[in-house]
């Protein structure tokens, strides 16, 4: 019973973290871009994966959000930024497009799939989904959804997300953009995932 209760708490924390990511920009120190890794370097996400982001993407942040619970996220941006007041009244940088990578380590593949399903259900509750598909990038299979961002708290208009399970890890990569962004989100996200390497 105790383990079941702990798992329920962990799932709620994972979903809560995803809500924080999908409702808009977060406040990030300006030194994040200055201290970002060069494009020829790999970004490590916990013990789960490494990312060699394509040249369009600039690393903005990489955090062990709830590392004790095996949860990690990183953020990349595309284009220029403008000041934007978020729902908390804070002024943050709003970029043309932003990619969130959320990854979790669990005890087995079954729990990883539960996290993936929870993230997918969260997306279905918070987005107006247009399409659902399956793609394979660098040998890894993902469920891909495209959607409109309908939350009044989000500065982004539409996006595309990929959700997958690799061994005991669940991964969600979410690329959203503003109304005037001209890039093809599915192509950009696929290229990004083709440059992700799982470490296990």
Protein backbone atom coordinates (compact mmCIF):
# COMPACT_ATOMS: atom_id res chain seq x y z
CA UNK A 1 0.00 0.00 0.00
CA UNK A 2 2.82 2.38 0.87
CA UNK A 3 4.52 1.79 -2.50
CA UNK A 4 1.24 2.28 -4.31
CA UNK A 5 0.73 5.61 -2.51
CA UNK A 6 4.28 6.72 -3.41
CA UNK A 7 3.67 5.85 -7.06
CA UNK A 8 0.46 7.91 -7.07
CA UNK A 9 2.32 10.91 -5.64
CA UNK A 10 5.07 10.52 -8.20
CA UNK A 11 2.57 10.40 -11.05
CA UNK A 12 0.87 13.55 -9.80
CA UNK A 13 4.26 15.30 -9.60
CA UNK A 14 5.10 14.23 -13.15
CA UNK A 15 1.81 15.50 -14.50
CA UNK A 16 2.12 18.73 -12.50
CA UNK A 17 5.56 19.32 -13.94
CA UNK A 18 4.20 18.79 -17.45
CA UNK A 19 1.45 21.33 -16.77
CA UNK A 20 4.12 23.85 -15.78
CA UNK A 21 5.91 23.24 -19.04
CA UNK A 22 2.92 23.44 -21.35
CA UNK A 23 1.26 26.57 -19.96
CA UNK A 24 3.86 28.96 -21.31
CA UNK A 25 7.27 30.44 -20.69
CA UNK A 26 9.20 30.11 -17.50
CA UNK A 27 11.45 32.72 -16.02
CA UNK A 28 15.03 31.90 -16.97
CA UNK A 29 18.15 33.88 -16.07
CA UNK A 30 19.66 35.72 -19.01
CA UNK A 31 22.93 33.90 -18.33
CA UNK A 32 21.29 30.70 -19.55
CA UNK A 33 21.80 31.62 -23.20
CA UNK A 34 25.29 32.98 -22.52
CA UNK A 35 26.25 29.77 -20.74
CA UNK A 36 24.54 27.44 -23.20
CA UNK A 37 26.54 24.59 -24.64
CA UNK A 38 28.09 25.11 -28.06
CA UNK A 39 26.14 23.45 -30.85
CA UNK A 40 28.90 20.86 -31.38
CA UNK A 41 28.56 19.61 -27.80
CA UNK A 42 26.18 17.07 -26.36
CA UNK A 43 23.64 17.88 -23.67
CA UNK A 44 23.15 15.14 -21.07
CA UNK A 45 19.67 14.50 -19.66
CA UNK A 46 20.19 12.66 -16.37
CA UNK A 47 21.43 9.12 -17.07
CA UNK A 48 18.77 8.75 -19.75
CA UNK A 49 20.04 10.31 -22.95
CA UNK A 50 22.35 12.73 -24.70
CA UNK A 51 21.24 15.31 -27.25
CA UNK A 52 23.28 16.82 -30.05
CA UNK A 53 20.75 19.51 -30.99
CA UNK A 54 20.55 20.65 -34.63
CA UNK A 55 21.88 24.13 -35.40
CA UNK A 56 18.42 25.71 -35.30
CA UNK A 57 18.16 25.02 -31.56
CA UNK A 58 19.92 26.91 -28.76
CA UNK A 59 20.05 25.32 -25.31
CA UNK A 60 18.31 27.57 -22.79
CA UNK A 61 18.08 25.46 -19.64
CA UNK A 62 18.86 21.97 -18.35
CA UNK A 63 17.54 21.00 -14.91
CA UNK A 64 17.20 18.01 -12.63
CA UNK A 65 13.71 19.12 -11.60
CA UNK A 66 12.92 16.21 -9.35
CA UNK A 67 16.07 14.15 -9.74
CA UNK A 68 15.30 12.23 -6.56
CA UNK A 69 12.18 11.00 -8.34
CA UNK A 70 14.03 10.48 -11.62
CA UNK A 71 12.53 13.48 -13.45
CA UNK A 72 14.57 15.79 -15.70
CA UNK A 73 13.89 18.48 -18.27
CA UNK A 74 15.77 20.68 -20.70
CA UNK A 75 14.69 23.54 -22.94
CA UNK A 76 15.90 24.73 -26.32
CA UNK A 77 14.74 27.80 -28.24
CA UNK A 78 14.57 28.93 -31.87
CA UNK A 79 14.70 32.51 -33.11
CA UNK A 80 14.64 35.82 -31.32
CA UNK A 81 12.99 36.74 -28.04
CA UNK A 82 10.70 39.54 -26.96
CA UNK A 83 9.62 40.53 -23.42
CA UNK A 84 6.41 38.79 -22.38
CA UNK A 85 4.38 39.05 -19.19
CA UNK A 86 3.31 35.56 -18.10
CA UNK A 87 0.27 34.55 -16.05
CA UNK A 88 2.22 35.15 -12.81
CA UNK A 89 2.87 38.76 -13.78
CA UNK A 90 6.58 38.14 -14.40
CA UNK A 91 8.31 39.47 -17.52
CA UNK A 92 10.13 36.66 -19.32
CA UNK A 93 11.69 36.05 -22.72
CA UNK A 94 9.26 34.75 -25.34
CA UNK A 95 10.95 33.03 -28.28
CA UNK A 96 9.63 32.27 -31.76
CA UNK A 97 9.59 28.58 -30.84
CA UNK A 98 10.53 26.58 -27.76
CA UNK A 99 11.23 22.88 -27.26
CA UNK A 100 10.75 21.20 -23.87
CA UNK A 101 12.25 17.78 -23.27
CA UNK A 102 10.83 15.98 -20.23
CA UNK A 103 12.31 12.62 -19.23
CA UNK A 104 11.64 10.27 -16.35
CA UNK A 105 13.43 7.23 -14.97
CA UNK A 106 11.20 4.55 -13.47
CA UNK A 107 11.75 1.09 -12.01
CA UNK A 108 10.55 -0.76 -15.11
CA UNK A 109 9.07 -0.37 -18.58
CA UNK A 110 5.52 -0.78 -17.26
CA UNK A 111 5.84 2.30 -15.05
CA UNK A 112 7.49 4.22 -17.89
CA UNK A 113 4.49 3.44 -20.09
CA UNK A 114 2.15 4.67 -17.33
CA UNK A 115 4.00 8.01 -17.35
CA UNK A 116 3.80 8.23 -21.13
CA UNK A 117 0.06 7.55 -21.02
CA UNK A 118 -0.41 10.15 -18.26
CA UNK A 119 1.45 12.79 -20.32
CA UNK A 120 -0.60 11.91 -23.39
CA UNK A 121 -3.85 12.21 -21.42
CA UNK A 122 -2.69 15.59 -20.10
CA UNK A 123 -2.03 16.79 -23.63
CA UNK A 124 -5.47 15.57 -24.76
CA UNK A 125 -7.06 17.52 -21.90
CA UNK A 126 -5.15 20.74 -22.56
CA UNK A 127 -4.73 20.92 -26.35
CA UNK A 128 -6.98 20.80 -29.39
CA UNK A 129 -5.36 17.82 -31.13
CA UNK A 130 -5.42 17.60 -34.93
CA UNK A 131 -3.44 14.44 -35.70
CA UNK A 132 -1.90 11.45 -33.96
CA UNK A 133 0.82 9.41 -35.65
CA UNK A 134 3.78 7.13 -34.95
CA UNK A 135 7.33 7.86 -36.07
CA UNK A 136 10.74 6.26 -35.55
CA UNK A 137 13.75 8.50 -34.94
CA UNK A 138 17.25 7.08 -34.51
CA UNK A 139 15.73 3.65 -33.87
CA UNK A 140 13.27 4.86 -31.20
CA UNK A 141 9.49 4.82 -31.69
CA UNK A 142 7.33 7.80 -30.63
CA UNK A 143 3.66 8.72 -30.64
CA UNK A 144 3.41 12.15 -32.28
CA UNK A 145 0.52 14.57 -31.85
CA UNK A 146 -0.04 17.94 -33.50
CA UNK A 147 -2.36 20.48 -31.91
CA UNK A 148 -3.47 24.03 -31.22
CA UNK A 149 -2.59 25.56 -27.85
CA UNK A 150 -5.95 26.57 -26.43
CA UNK A 151 -4.90 27.68 -22.94
CA UNK A 152 -5.31 31.40 -22.32
CA UNK A 153 -2.09 31.25 -20.28
CA UNK A 154 0.02 30.04 -23.20
CA UNK A 155 1.68 32.57 -25.53
CA UNK A 156 2.12 29.86 -28.16
CA UNK A 157 -0.41 29.12 -30.90
CA UNK A 158 0.28 25.54 -31.96
CA UNK A 159 2.71 22.71 -31.47
CA UNK A 160 3.76 19.11 -31.95
CA UNK A 161 4.81 16.58 -29.29
CA UNK A 162 6.51 13.19 -29.36
CA UNK A 163 6.09 10.70 -26.51
CA UNK A 164 8.05 7.49 -26.19
CA UNK A 165 9.29 4.75 -23.88
CA UNK A 166 12.84 3.40 -23.91
CA UNK A 167 13.42 0.57 -21.44
CA UNK A 168 12.44 2.05 -18.04
CA UNK A 169 12.46 5.66 -19.31
CA UNK A 170 9.59 7.81 -20.56
CA UNK A 171 10.31 10.83 -22.74
CA UNK A 172 8.16 13.72 -23.96
CA UNK A 173 9.54 16.27 -26.45
CA UNK A 174 7.22 19.22 -27.03
CA UNK A 175 7.84 21.92 -29.66
CA UNK A 176 5.48 24.92 -29.64
CA UNK A 177 5.60 28.19 -31.54
CA UNK A 178 4.07 31.62 -31.90
CA UNK A 179 1.59 32.55 -34.61
CA UNK A 180 4.17 34.07 -36.95
CA UNK A 181 6.71 31.24 -36.81
CA UNK A 182 7.31 29.91 -40.33
CA UNK A 183 9.24 26.70 -39.63
CA UNK A 184 7.77 23.22 -40.05
CA UNK A 185 7.39 21.93 -36.50
CA UNK A 186 7.15 18.23 -37.38
CA UNK A 187 10.33 18.37 -39.47
CA UNK A 188 12.18 20.28 -36.76
CA UNK A 189 11.08 17.91 -34.01
CA UNK A 190 11.95 14.84 -36.08
CA UNK A 191 15.40 16.24 -36.80
CA UNK A 192 15.87 16.94 -33.09
CA UNK A 193 14.87 13.40 -32.08
CA UNK A 194 17.14 11.91 -34.76
CA UNK A 195 19.97 13.55 -32.80
CA UNK A 196 18.99 12.02 -29.45
CA UNK A 197 20.93 9.01 -28.18
CA UNK A 198 19.72 6.88 -25.29
CA UNK A 199 22.48 5.91 -22.88
CA UNK A 200 21.06 2.53 -21.82
